[in-house]
Amino acid sequence: MLNLEKMMQQSITRFNYMGQKRELLINGNNKKQKIFIKIDTGLSNLATDSKRFSVYTYEQGQIDPNSYKIALLDDFVEILSFTLLYANICNWSDVIIDSQKDIDKIANLKPDSDFNQVYLSIKKMMFNAFYNHSKNDFKFFWKMLLKFILVDFNANADELVKRFEEFTDIR
């Protein structure tokens, strides 16, 4: 089961730890921008790794079943971690915490058949949230992202949490 508040705290702790170790290439002026770009590139990696947005049929034939699931899980974790961090930096943590009650409802939705449309809608809402500083657009982006990961990609919540904990572990 996803505990979004705990996951957010883990992301923040990892980020702060990396800052204390001086392993961040971020300063106060570009923190939001660089984190936002990490979310964007994470979504692009997910699109590439999933092969669901391939243009040519031979690209879909190049799926290695052994690494496919791991690659997608890593993409999910990176996207979620940086999105949670971004919400915190923008003081939109309440959007994440409030969405906890919607997880079961989101998980019971039917998957969309048009991945292209969903992906592009997610990106649009993400950019609207960034450029318009819109908490409502971020909220919509966040819920669409959760549905995309949990329903459309059918990610196993327990595996996701385990991988997330490994990613954020600072020991």
N, C-alpha and C. Protein backbone atom coordinates (compact mmCIF):
# COMPACT_ATOMS: atom_id res chain seq x y z
N MET A 1 0.84 -1.18 0.00
CA MET A 1 0.00 0.00 0.00
C MET A 1 0.89 1.25 0.00
N LEU A 2 0.53 2.17 -0.83
CA LEU A 2 1.29 3.42 -0.89
C LEU A 2 0.94 4.31 0.30
N ASN A 3 1.95 4.76 0.98
CA ASN A 3 1.78 5.76 2.03
C ASN A 3 2.46 7.02 1.51
N LEU A 4 1.66 7.87 0.88
CA LEU A 4 2.21 9.02 0.17
C LEU A 4 2.93 10.00 1.08
N GLU A 5 2.42 10.18 2.27
CA GLU A 5 3.08 11.10 3.21
C GLU A 5 4.47 10.58 3.58
N LYS A 6 4.55 9.28 3.84
CA LYS A 6 5.84 8.67 4.17
C LYS A 6 6.79 8.75 2.97
N MET A 7 6.26 8.49 1.79
CA MET A 7 7.10 8.54 0.59
C MET A 7 7.61 9.96 0.35
N MET A 8 6.77 10.94 0.62
CA MET A 8 7.21 12.32 0.46
C MET A 8 8.34 12.63 1.44
N GLN A 9 8.18 12.19 2.66
CA GLN A 9 9.21 12.44 3.67
C GLN A 9 10.52 11.75 3.29
N GLN A 10 10.43 10.55 2.73
CA GLN A 10 11.63 9.84 2.30
C GLN A 10 12.33 10.60 1.18
N SER A 11 11.56 11.16 0.24
CA SER A 11 12.15 11.94 -0.85
C SER A 11 12.84 13.18 -0.33
N ILE A 12 12.20 13.85 0.60
CA ILE A 12 12.76 15.07 1.18
C ILE A 12 14.03 14.75 1.95
N THR A 13 14.00 13.67 2.72
CA THR A 13 15.17 13.26 3.50
C THR A 13 16.34 12.95 2.58
N ARG A 14 16.08 12.21 1.51
CA ARG A 14 17.15 11.87 0.56
C ARG A 14 17.72 13.13 -0.08
N PHE A 15 16.85 14.04 -0.48
CA PHE A 15 17.28 15.29 -1.11
C PHE A 15 18.13 16.12 -0.14
N ASN A 16 17.67 16.25 1.09
CA ASN A 16 18.42 17.01 2.09
C ASN A 16 19.76 16.36 2.40
N TYR A 17 19.77 15.04 2.47
CA TYR A 17 21.00 14.30 2.73
C TYR A 17 22.01 14.55 1.61
N MET A 18 21.53 14.48 0.37
CA MET A 18 22.42 14.72 -0.77
C MET A 18 22.93 16.16 -0.74
N GLY A 19 22.11 17.08 -0.28
CA GLY A 19 22.54 18.47 -0.15
C GLY A 19 23.62 18.63 0.92
N GLN A 20 23.47 17.93 2.03
CA GLN A 20 24.46 18.00 3.10
C GLN A 20 25.79 17.40 2.64
N LYS A 21 25.72 16.40 1.79
CA LYS A 21 26.95 15.79 1.27
C LYS A 21 27.51 16.59 0.11
N ARG A 22 26.85 17.68 -0.21
CA ARG A 22 27.24 18.55 -1.33
C ARG A 22 27.28 17.81 -2.66
N GLU A 23 26.30 16.93 -2.85
CA GLU A 23 26.21 16.17 -4.09
C GLU A 23 25.08 16.68 -4.98
N LEU A 24 24.59 17.88 -4.71
CA LEU A 24 23.53 18.45 -5.53
C LEU A 24 24.11 19.53 -6.43
N LEU A 25 23.60 19.59 -7.63
CA LEU A 25 23.99 20.63 -8.58
C LEU A 25 22.86 21.66 -8.67
N ILE A 26 22.37 22.04 -7.52
CA ILE A 26 21.20 22.90 -7.45
C ILE A 26 21.50 24.04 -6.50
N ASN A 27 21.00 25.21 -6.85
CA ASN A 27 21.01 26.31 -5.89
C ASN A 27 19.58 26.82 -5.77
N GLY A 28 19.37 27.78 -4.92
CA GLY A 28 18.02 28.26 -4.65
C GLY A 28 17.29 28.77 -5.88
N ASN A 29 18.03 29.31 -6.83
CA ASN A 29 17.40 29.90 -8.00
C ASN A 29 16.90 28.87 -9.01
N ASN A 30 17.55 27.73 -9.06
CA ASN A 30 17.15 26.78 -10.10
C ASN A 30 16.62 25.45 -9.55
N LYS A 31 16.36 25.40 -8.27
CA LYS A 31 15.91 24.16 -7.64
C LYS A 31 14.61 23.63 -8.27
N LYS A 32 13.60 24.49 -8.35
CA LYS A 32 12.32 24.06 -8.92
C LYS A 32 12.49 23.64 -10.38
N GLN A 33 13.27 24.42 -11.10
CA GLN A 33 13.44 24.12 -12.53
C GLN A 33 14.11 22.78 -12.75
N LYS A 34 15.18 22.53 -12.02
CA LYS A 34 15.91 21.27 -12.21
C LYS A 34 15.08 20.07 -11.76
N ILE A 35 14.35 20.22 -10.68
CA ILE A 35 13.49 19.12 -10.21
C ILE A 35 12.37 18.87 -11.22
N PHE A 36 11.81 19.95 -11.74
CA PHE A 36 10.76 19.83 -12.75
C PHE A 36 11.31 19.11 -13.99
N ILE A 37 12.51 19.44 -14.39
CA ILE A 37 13.13 18.79 -15.56
C ILE A 37 13.36 17.31 -15.28
N LYS A 38 13.71 16.96 -14.05
CA LYS A 38 13.88 15.54 -13.69
C LYS A 38 12.56 14.79 -13.83
N ILE A 39 11.45 15.43 -13.45
CA ILE A 39 10.13 14.80 -13.63
C ILE A 39 9.87 14.60 -15.12
N ASP A 40 10.13 15.65 -15.89
CA ASP A 40 9.89 15.60 -17.33
C ASP A 40 10.74 14.52 -18.00
N THR A 41 12.03 14.47 -17.68
CA THR A 41 12.89 13.46 -18.30
C THR A 41 12.53 12.05 -17.79
N GLY A 42 12.04 11.97 -16.55
CA GLY A 42 11.58 10.68 -16.04
C GLY A 42 10.39 10.16 -16.84
N LEU A 43 9.46 11.07 -17.15
CA LEU A 43 8.32 10.67 -17.98
C LEU A 43 8.77 10.27 -19.38
N SER A 44 9.73 10.98 -19.92
CA SER A 44 10.27 10.62 -21.24
C SER A 44 10.95 9.26 -21.20
N ASN A 45 11.71 8.99 -20.15
CA ASN A 45 12.34 7.68 -19.99
C ASN A 45 11.28 6.58 -19.90
N LEU A 46 10.21 6.86 -19.17
CA LEU A 46 9.13 5.89 -19.05
C LEU A 46 8.52 5.61 -20.42
N ALA A 47 8.30 6.65 -21.20
CA ALA A 47 7.74 6.47 -22.54
C ALA A 47 8.68 5.62 -23.40
N THR A 48 9.97 5.88 -23.31
CA THR A 48 10.95 5.13 -24.10
C THR A 48 11.05 3.69 -23.61
N ASP A 49 11.19 3.51 -22.30
CA ASP A 49 11.37 2.17 -21.74
C ASP A 49 10.15 1.29 -21.91
N SER A 50 8.97 1.87 -21.89
CA SER A 50 7.74 1.07 -21.97
C SER A 50 7.48 0.55 -23.38
N LYS A 51 8.05 1.19 -24.38
CA LYS A 51 7.86 0.83 -25.79
C LYS A 51 6.40 1.01 -26.24
N ARG A 52 5.57 1.58 -25.40
CA ARG A 52 4.16 1.76 -25.77
C ARG A 52 3.95 2.95 -26.70
N PHE A 53 4.98 3.73 -26.86
CA PHE A 53 4.88 4.91 -27.72
C PHE A 53 5.78 4.76 -28.95
N SER A 54 6.15 3.53 -29.22
CA SER A 54 7.02 3.27 -30.35
C SER A 54 6.34 3.64 -31.66
N VAL A 55 7.12 4.09 -32.59
CA VAL A 55 6.62 4.43 -33.91
C VAL A 55 6.73 3.22 -34.84
N TYR A 56 7.81 2.46 -34.69
CA TYR A 56 8.05 1.31 -35.55
C TYR A 56 7.81 0.01 -34.80
N THR A 57 7.27 -0.97 -35.49
CA THR A 57 6.94 -2.24 -34.83
C THR A 57 8.18 -2.96 -34.31
N TYR A 58 9.31 -2.83 -34.99
CA TYR A 58 10.51 -3.54 -34.53
C TYR A 58 10.97 -3.04 -33.15
N GLU A 59 10.63 -1.78 -32.80
CA GLU A 59 11.01 -1.26 -31.48
C GLU A 59 10.29 -2.02 -30.37
N GLN A 60 9.05 -2.39 -30.60
CA GLN A 60 8.31 -3.14 -29.59
C GLN A 60 8.83 -4.56 -29.46
N GLY A 61 9.41 -5.07 -30.52
CA GLY A 61 9.97 -6.42 -30.48
C GLY A 61 11.27 -6.51 -29.72
N GLN A 62 11.83 -5.39 -29.34
CA GLN A 62 13.11 -5.36 -28.65
C GLN A 62 12.95 -5.31 -27.12
N ILE A 63 11.85 -5.78 -26.61
CA ILE A 63 11.62 -5.77 -25.16
C ILE A 63 12.29 -6.98 -24.54
N ASP A 64 13.15 -6.73 -23.58
CA ASP A 64 13.78 -7.80 -22.81
C ASP A 64 12.92 -8.02 -21.57
N PRO A 65 12.19 -9.14 -21.52
CA PRO A 65 11.27 -9.37 -20.41
C PRO A 65 11.93 -9.32 -19.02
N ASN A 66 13.21 -9.67 -18.97
CA ASN A 66 13.90 -9.68 -17.68
C ASN A 66 14.16 -8.28 -17.14
N SER A 67 14.44 -7.35 -18.02
CA SER A 67 14.76 -6.00 -17.55
C SER A 67 13.61 -5.02 -17.71
N TYR A 68 12.58 -5.40 -18.47
CA TYR A 68 11.46 -4.51 -18.75
C TYR A 68 10.78 -4.01 -17.46
N LYS A 69 10.39 -4.93 -16.63
CA LYS A 69 9.67 -4.59 -15.40
C LYS A 69 10.54 -3.75 -14.46
N ILE A 70 11.80 -4.09 -14.36
CA ILE A 70 12.72 -3.34 -13.49
C ILE A 70 12.91 -1.92 -14.01
N ALA A 71 13.06 -1.77 -15.31
CA ALA A 71 13.25 -0.44 -15.91
C ALA A 71 12.02 0.44 -15.65
N LEU A 72 10.83 -0.12 -15.85
CA LEU A 72 9.61 0.65 -15.60
C LEU A 72 9.48 1.01 -14.13
N LEU A 73 9.77 0.08 -13.26
CA LEU A 73 9.70 0.35 -11.82
C LEU A 73 10.66 1.47 -11.43
N ASP A 74 11.86 1.44 -11.96
CA ASP A 74 12.83 2.50 -11.69
C ASP A 74 12.33 3.85 -12.22
N ASP A 75 11.72 3.84 -13.39
CA ASP A 75 11.15 5.07 -13.93
C ASP A 75 10.03 5.60 -13.04
N PHE A 76 9.14 4.71 -12.59
CA PHE A 76 8.05 5.12 -11.71
C PHE A 76 8.59 5.77 -10.44
N VAL A 77 9.58 5.12 -9.85
CA VAL A 77 10.16 5.60 -8.60
C VAL A 77 10.78 6.98 -8.77
N GLU A 78 11.54 7.16 -9.82
CA GLU A 78 12.18 8.46 -10.04
C GLU A 78 11.13 9.55 -10.25
N ILE A 79 10.13 9.27 -11.07
CA ILE A 79 9.08 10.25 -11.32
C ILE A 79 8.36 10.60 -10.03
N LEU A 80 7.97 9.59 -9.28
CA LEU A 80 7.25 9.83 -8.02
C LEU A 80 8.10 10.60 -7.03
N SER A 81 9.35 10.20 -6.88
CA SER A 81 10.22 10.85 -5.91
C SER A 81 10.37 12.34 -6.21
N PHE A 82 10.65 12.66 -7.46
CA PHE A 82 10.84 14.07 -7.80
C PHE A 82 9.53 14.85 -7.81
N THR A 83 8.43 14.19 -8.11
CA THR A 83 7.14 14.87 -8.04
C THR A 83 6.79 15.20 -6.59
N LEU A 84 7.04 14.27 -5.69
CA LEU A 84 6.80 14.51 -4.27
C LEU A 84 7.68 15.64 -3.76
N LEU A 85 8.91 15.64 -4.18
CA LEU A 85 9.85 16.69 -3.80
C LEU A 85 9.39 18.05 -4.36
N TYR A 86 8.96 18.04 -5.59
CA TYR A 86 8.48 19.27 -6.22
C TYR A 86 7.26 19.83 -5.47
N ALA A 87 6.34 18.94 -5.11
CA ALA A 87 5.16 19.37 -4.36
C ALA A 87 5.57 20.03 -3.05
N ASN A 88 6.55 19.46 -2.40
CA ASN A 88 7.02 20.02 -1.13
C ASN A 88 7.65 21.39 -1.33
N ILE A 89 8.47 21.53 -2.34
CA ILE A 89 9.15 22.80 -2.58
C ILE A 89 8.15 23.91 -2.96
N CYS A 90 7.08 23.52 -3.65
CA CYS A 90 6.05 24.49 -4.04
C CYS A 90 5.03 24.74 -2.93
N ASN A 91 5.20 24.09 -1.79
CA ASN A 91 4.23 24.15 -0.69
C ASN A 91 2.86 23.61 -1.10
N TRP A 92 2.89 22.56 -1.90
CA TRP A 92 1.68 21.88 -2.34
C TRP A 92 1.58 20.48 -1.73
N SER A 93 2.22 20.27 -0.61
CA SER A 93 2.22 18.95 0.03
C SER A 93 0.82 18.47 0.35
N ASP A 94 -0.08 19.41 0.62
CA ASP A 94 -1.45 19.04 0.95
C ASP A 94 -2.13 18.32 -0.22
N VAL A 95 -1.75 18.63 -1.44
CA VAL A 95 -2.31 17.93 -2.61
C VAL A 95 -1.97 16.44 -2.53
N ILE A 96 -0.74 16.16 -2.16
CA ILE A 96 -0.28 14.77 -2.06
C ILE A 96 -0.99 14.07 -0.90
N ILE A 97 -0.97 14.70 0.24
CA ILE A 97 -1.56 14.09 1.44
C ILE A 97 -3.06 13.89 1.26
N ASP A 98 -3.74 14.88 0.68
CA ASP A 98 -5.18 14.76 0.45
C ASP A 98 -5.52 13.65 -0.55
N SER A 99 -4.60 13.37 -1.47
CA SER A 99 -4.87 12.35 -2.49
C SER A 99 -4.78 10.93 -1.93
N GLN A 100 -4.24 10.77 -0.73
CA GLN A 100 -4.12 9.44 -0.13
C GLN A 100 -5.49 8.75 -0.08
N LYS A 101 -6.51 9.53 0.24
CA LYS A 101 -7.85 8.95 0.35
C LYS A 101 -8.41 8.51 -1.00
N ASP A 102 -7.82 8.99 -2.08
CA ASP A 102 -8.30 8.68 -3.43
C ASP A 102 -7.58 7.50 -4.07
N ILE A 103 -6.57 6.97 -3.41
CA ILE A 103 -5.77 5.89 -4.00
C ILE A 103 -6.63 4.69 -4.39
N ASP A 104 -7.49 4.24 -3.50
CA ASP A 104 -8.33 3.08 -3.81
C ASP A 104 -9.27 3.38 -4.97
N LYS A 105 -9.82 4.58 -4.98
CA LYS A 105 -10.72 4.98 -6.06
C LYS A 105 -9.95 5.00 -7.40
N ILE A 106 -8.76 5.56 -7.37
CA ILE A 106 -7.93 5.62 -8.58
C ILE A 106 -7.57 4.21 -9.04
N ALA A 107 -7.20 3.35 -8.10
CA ALA A 107 -6.78 1.99 -8.44
C ALA A 107 -7.91 1.16 -9.05
N ASN A 108 -9.15 1.54 -8.79
CA ASN A 108 -10.29 0.80 -9.32
C ASN A 108 -10.81 1.34 -10.64
N LEU A 109 -10.17 2.37 -11.18
CA LEU A 109 -10.57 2.89 -12.48
C LEU A 109 -10.15 1.94 -13.59
N LYS A 110 -10.79 2.06 -14.73
CA LYS A 110 -10.42 1.24 -15.88
C LYS A 110 -9.22 1.86 -16.58
N PRO A 111 -8.32 1.02 -17.09
CA PRO A 111 -7.17 1.56 -17.82
C PRO A 111 -7.63 2.23 -19.12
N ASP A 112 -6.92 3.26 -19.49
CA ASP A 112 -7.17 3.92 -20.76
C ASP A 112 -6.50 3.14 -21.88
N SER A 113 -7.14 3.11 -23.02
CA SER A 113 -6.56 2.40 -24.15
C SER A 113 -5.66 3.30 -24.99
N ASP A 114 -5.84 4.59 -24.88
CA ASP A 114 -5.05 5.53 -25.68
C ASP A 114 -3.93 6.12 -24.83
N PHE A 115 -2.81 5.39 -24.75
CA PHE A 115 -1.67 5.84 -23.94
C PHE A 115 -1.14 7.18 -24.42
N ASN A 116 -1.16 7.40 -25.72
CA ASN A 116 -0.65 8.66 -26.25
C ASN A 116 -1.41 9.85 -25.67
N GLN A 117 -2.73 9.76 -25.68
CA GLN A 117 -3.55 10.85 -25.18
C GLN A 117 -3.32 11.08 -23.69
N VAL A 118 -3.24 10.01 -22.92
CA VAL A 118 -3.01 10.13 -21.49
C VAL A 118 -1.65 10.76 -21.22
N TYR A 119 -0.64 10.27 -21.89
CA TYR A 119 0.72 10.78 -21.70
C TYR A 119 0.78 12.27 -22.01
N LEU A 120 0.22 12.66 -23.13
CA LEU A 120 0.24 14.07 -23.53
C LEU A 120 -0.59 14.93 -22.57
N SER A 121 -1.67 14.41 -22.06
CA SER A 121 -2.48 15.15 -21.08
C SER A 121 -1.72 15.35 -19.77
N ILE A 122 -1.01 14.32 -19.36
CA ILE A 122 -0.19 14.42 -18.15
C ILE A 122 0.87 15.51 -18.33
N LYS A 123 1.54 15.48 -19.47
CA LYS A 123 2.58 16.48 -19.74
C LYS A 123 1.98 17.89 -19.79
N LYS A 124 0.83 18.02 -20.39
CA LYS A 124 0.19 19.34 -20.48
C LYS A 124 -0.12 19.88 -19.10
N MET A 125 -0.71 19.06 -18.25
CA MET A 125 -1.07 19.51 -16.90
C MET A 125 0.19 19.81 -16.08
N MET A 126 1.22 19.01 -16.29
CA MET A 126 2.49 19.23 -15.60
C MET A 126 3.07 20.59 -15.98
N PHE A 127 3.09 20.88 -17.26
CA PHE A 127 3.62 22.17 -17.71
C PHE A 127 2.73 23.33 -17.29
N ASN A 128 1.42 23.13 -17.31
CA ASN A 128 0.51 24.17 -16.82
C ASN A 128 0.79 24.48 -15.35
N ALA A 129 0.99 23.45 -14.57
CA ALA A 129 1.27 23.64 -13.14
C ALA A 129 2.56 24.44 -12.96
N PHE A 130 3.56 24.14 -13.76
CA PHE A 130 4.85 24.82 -13.63
C PHE A 130 4.76 26.27 -14.10
N TYR A 131 4.30 26.47 -15.31
CA TYR A 131 4.33 27.82 -15.88
C TYR A 131 3.26 28.75 -15.31
N ASN A 132 2.15 28.20 -14.90
CA ASN A 132 1.08 29.03 -14.32
C ASN A 132 1.11 29.04 -12.80
N HIS A 133 2.05 28.31 -12.22
CA HIS A 133 2.13 28.18 -10.76
C HIS A 133 0.75 27.79 -10.21
N SER A 134 0.15 26.82 -10.87
CA SER A 134 -1.23 26.43 -10.59
C SER A 134 -1.30 25.16 -9.75
N LYS A 135 -1.75 25.32 -8.56
CA LYS A 135 -1.93 24.19 -7.65
C LYS A 135 -3.01 23.24 -8.19
N ASN A 136 -4.06 23.80 -8.79
CA ASN A 136 -5.13 22.96 -9.35
C ASN A 136 -4.61 22.10 -10.50
N ASP A 137 -3.80 22.68 -11.36
CA ASP A 137 -3.21 21.89 -12.45
C ASP A 137 -2.27 20.83 -11.91
N PHE A 138 -1.53 21.17 -10.85
CA PHE A 138 -0.65 20.18 -10.24
C PHE A 138 -1.47 19.02 -9.66
N LYS A 139 -2.57 19.36 -9.03
CA LYS A 139 -3.44 18.33 -8.44
C LYS A 139 -3.96 17.39 -9.53
N PHE A 140 -4.39 17.96 -10.64
CA PHE A 140 -4.88 17.15 -11.75
C PHE A 140 -3.76 16.30 -12.34
N PHE A 141 -2.59 16.91 -12.53
CA PHE A 141 -1.42 16.17 -13.01
C PHE A 141 -1.10 15.00 -12.08
N TRP A 142 -1.08 15.26 -10.78
CA TRP A 142 -0.73 14.25 -9.79
C TRP A 142 -1.68 13.06 -9.84
N LYS A 143 -2.97 13.34 -9.90
CA LYS A 143 -3.94 12.24 -9.93
C LYS A 143 -3.86 11.47 -11.24
N MET A 144 -3.64 12.18 -12.33
CA MET A 144 -3.46 11.50 -13.62
C MET A 144 -2.21 10.63 -13.60
N LEU A 145 -1.15 11.15 -12.99
CA LEU A 145 0.09 10.39 -12.89
C LEU A 145 -0.10 9.12 -12.07
N LEU A 146 -0.77 9.24 -10.94
CA LEU A 146 -1.04 8.05 -10.13
C LEU A 146 -1.83 7.01 -10.91
N LYS A 147 -2.86 7.45 -11.60
CA LYS A 147 -3.66 6.52 -12.39
C LYS A 147 -2.82 5.89 -13.49
N PHE A 148 -2.00 6.69 -14.14
CA PHE A 148 -1.15 6.20 -15.22
C PHE A 148 -0.24 5.09 -14.72
N ILE A 149 0.36 5.30 -13.57
CA ILE A 149 1.30 4.31 -13.02
C ILE A 149 0.56 3.10 -12.46
N LEU A 150 -0.43 3.35 -11.62
CA LEU A 150 -1.10 2.25 -10.92
C LEU A 150 -2.08 1.46 -11.77
N VAL A 151 -2.77 2.14 -12.68
CA VAL A 151 -3.81 1.47 -13.46
C VAL A 151 -3.36 1.17 -14.88
N ASP A 152 -2.95 2.20 -15.60
CA ASP A 152 -2.60 2.00 -17.00
C ASP A 152 -1.37 1.10 -17.16
N PHE A 153 -0.39 1.29 -16.30
CA PHE A 153 0.79 0.42 -16.33
C PHE A 153 0.67 -0.76 -15.37
N ASN A 154 -0.38 -0.77 -14.57
CA ASN A 154 -0.65 -1.87 -13.64
C ASN A 154 0.53 -2.16 -12.72
N ALA A 155 1.13 -1.10 -12.18
CA ALA A 155 2.26 -1.28 -11.27
C ALA A 155 1.79 -1.92 -9.97
N ASN A 156 2.56 -2.83 -9.48
CA ASN A 156 2.28 -3.47 -8.20
C ASN A 156 2.70 -2.51 -7.09
N ALA A 157 1.75 -2.11 -6.25
CA ALA A 157 2.02 -1.12 -5.21
C ALA A 157 3.09 -1.58 -4.24
N ASP A 158 3.07 -2.86 -3.87
CA ASP A 158 4.07 -3.36 -2.92
C ASP A 158 5.48 -3.33 -3.51
N GLU A 159 5.61 -3.73 -4.78
CA GLU A 159 6.91 -3.67 -5.44
C GLU A 159 7.37 -2.22 -5.59
N LEU A 160 6.43 -1.34 -5.87
CA LEU A 160 6.73 0.08 -6.03
C LEU A 160 7.25 0.67 -4.72
N VAL A 161 6.59 0.35 -3.63
CA VAL A 161 7.01 0.85 -2.31
C VAL A 161 8.39 0.30 -1.96
N LYS A 162 8.61 -0.98 -2.20
CA LYS A 162 9.91 -1.58 -1.89
C LYS A 162 11.02 -0.90 -2.69
N ARG A 163 10.79 -0.71 -3.98
CA ARG A 163 11.80 -0.08 -4.84
C ARG A 163 12.01 1.39 -4.43
N PHE A 164 10.92 2.05 -4.04
CA PHE A 164 11.00 3.44 -3.61
C PHE A 164 11.86 3.55 -2.35
N GLU A 165 11.66 2.64 -1.42
CA GLU A 165 12.45 2.64 -0.18
C GLU A 165 13.92 2.39 -0.48
N GLU A 166 14.22 1.52 -1.42
CA GLU A 166 15.61 1.29 -1.81
C GLU A 166 16.22 2.55 -2.43
N PHE A 167 15.44 3.24 -3.25
CA PHE A 167 15.91 4.45 -3.93
C PHE A 167 16.19 5.57 -2.94
N THR A 168 15.34 5.68 -1.93
CA THR A 168 15.47 6.80 -0.98
C THR A 168 16.30 6.46 0.25
N ASP A 169 16.76 5.23 0.35
CA ASP A 169 17.55 4.82 1.52
C ASP A 169 18.89 5.54 1.52
N ILE A 170 19.19 6.23 2.62
CA ILE A 170 20.43 7.01 2.70
C ILE A 170 21.50 6.32 3.55
N ARG A 171 21.24 5.11 3.95
CA ARG A 171 22.24 4.39 4.74
C ARG A 171 23.36 3.90 3.91
